[in-house]
Every structure is written in C-alpha cells, then in structure tokens.
C-alpha atoms as a PDB file:
ATOM      1  CA  MET A   1      16.216   9.994  18.381  1.00  0.00           C
ATOM      2  CA  LYS A   2      14.973   6.993  16.415  1.00  0.00           C
ATOM      3  CA  TYR A   3      11.509   7.127  14.915  1.00  0.00           C
ATOM      4  CA  ILE A   4       9.627   5.613  12.008  1.00  0.00           C
ATOM      5  CA  HIS A   5       9.695   7.631   8.815  1.00  0.00           C
ATOM      6  CA  GLY A   6       6.262   7.776   7.199  1.00  0.00           C
ATOM      7  CA  LYS A   7       5.501   7.733   3.508  1.00  0.00           C
ATOM      8  CA  ASP A   8       5.339  10.908   1.471  1.00  0.00           C
ATOM      9  CA  ARG A   9       1.713  12.103   1.334  1.00  0.00           C
ATOM     10  CA  GLU A  10       2.172  13.186  -2.262  1.00  0.00           C
ATOM     11  CA  GLN A  11       3.302   9.690  -3.309  1.00  0.00           C
ATOM     12  CA  VAL A  12       0.644   7.594  -5.048  1.00  0.00           C
ATOM     13  CA  GLU A  13       0.606   3.997  -3.883  1.00  0.00           C
ATOM     14  CA  MET A  14      -1.059   1.191  -5.839  1.00  0.00           C
ATOM     15  CA  PHE A  15      -2.175  -2.020  -4.174  1.00  0.00           C
ATOM     16  CA  CYS A  16      -4.481  -4.919  -4.895  1.00  0.00           C
ATOM     17  CA  LEU A  17      -7.709  -4.847  -2.883  1.00  0.00           C
ATOM     18  CA  GLU A  18      -7.964  -8.640  -3.131  1.00  0.00           C
ATOM     19  CA  GLN A  19      -4.719  -8.949  -1.187  1.00  0.00           C
ATOM     20  CA  ALA A  20      -5.811  -6.397   1.409  1.00  0.00           C
ATOM     21  CA  ILE A  21      -8.973  -8.343   2.338  1.00  0.00           C
ATOM     22  CA  GLU A  22      -8.450 -11.672   4.059  1.00  0.00           C
ATOM     23  CA  LYS A  23      -9.872 -14.803   2.428  1.00  0.00           C
ATOM     24  CA  ASN A  24     -12.290 -15.489   5.314  1.00  0.00           C
ATOM     25  CA  ASN A  25     -13.558 -11.905   5.687  1.00  0.00           C
ATOM     26  CA  GLU A  26     -17.357 -11.559   5.690  1.00  0.00           C
ATOM     27  CA  VAL A  27     -17.213  -8.779   3.098  1.00  0.00           C
ATOM     28  CA  ARG A  28     -16.397 -11.459   0.501  1.00  0.00           C
ATOM     29  CA  LEU A  29     -19.687 -13.221   1.308  1.00  0.00           C
ATOM     30  CA  ILE A  30     -21.587  -9.937   0.955  1.00  0.00           C
ATOM     31  CA  ASP A  31     -19.865  -9.282  -2.389  1.00  0.00           C
ATOM     32  CA  LEU A  32     -20.809 -12.759  -3.634  1.00  0.00           C
ATOM     33  CA  PHE A  33     -24.428 -12.291  -2.555  1.00  0.00           C
ATOM     34  CA  VAL A  34     -24.803  -8.861  -4.163  1.00  0.00           C
ATOM     35  CA  SER A  35     -23.241 -10.057  -7.410  1.00  0.00           C
ATOM     36  CA  GLN A  36     -25.863 -12.843  -7.632  1.00  0.00           C
ATOM     37  CA  VAL A  37     -28.924 -10.663  -6.918  1.00  0.00           C
ATOM     38  CA  ASP A  38     -30.755  -9.184  -9.908  1.00  0.00           C
ATOM     39  CA  LEU A  39     -31.047  -5.611  -8.628  1.00  0.00           C
ATOM     40  CA  LYS A  40     -33.435  -4.568 -11.406  1.00  0.00           C
ATOM     41  CA  THR A  41     -36.156  -6.815  -9.931  1.00  0.00           C
ATOM     42  CA  TYR A  42     -35.989  -4.746  -6.742  1.00  0.00           C
ATOM     43  CA  GLY A  43     -36.331  -1.413  -8.530  1.00  0.00           C
ATOM     44  CA  PHE A  44     -32.665  -0.418  -8.783  1.00  0.00           C
ATOM     45  CA  LYS A  45     -31.660   1.368 -11.965  1.00  0.00           C
ATOM     46  CA  THR A  46     -28.382  -0.005 -13.268  1.00  0.00           C
ATOM     47  CA  GLY A  47     -28.200   1.583 -16.735  1.00  0.00           C
ATOM     48  CA  HIS A  48     -26.164   4.624 -17.684  1.00  0.00           C
ATOM     49  CA  ILE A  49     -27.576   7.980 -18.670  1.00  0.00           C
ATOM     50  CA  GLU A  50     -27.481   8.623 -22.417  1.00  0.00           C
ATOM     51  CA  ASN A  51     -25.534  11.897 -22.179  1.00  0.00           C
ATOM     52  CA  GLY A  52     -22.471  10.200 -20.669  1.00  0.00           C
ATOM     53  CA  LEU A  53     -22.924  11.378 -17.096  1.00  0.00           C
ATOM     54  CA  ARG A  54     -22.675   8.965 -14.216  1.00  0.00           C
ATOM     55  CA  PRO A  55     -25.851   7.087 -13.222  1.00  0.00           C
END
C-alpha cells in the first residue's frame, strides 16, 4: 500500500519565519504597527529584571 511517510518527530527542523508568512498577510501590518508604538507610554514595562530572570 502506498502512503506518505511523515517526518521523524525527534528531528529538529529549522525554517525562516519570514518565508512562512506571505508578503500580503495582515500579520505583517500588525508587526509594523507594534514596532512603531512606544509601549512605555501606555504603561508596559519593557526592561529586564536585574537578577537575570525573564521580564
């Protein structure tokens, strides 16, 4: 019987996210907007904690 062989689940696959998202996808517009907004003016904390933990 012929069937499609899947990829090994233990295999790590690297790919470029830019290539996975089409050029006219609305998520690119959202990304552009968010990158231009100064989040600190809206009360978001963007700094890192002094002890090296994640913010």
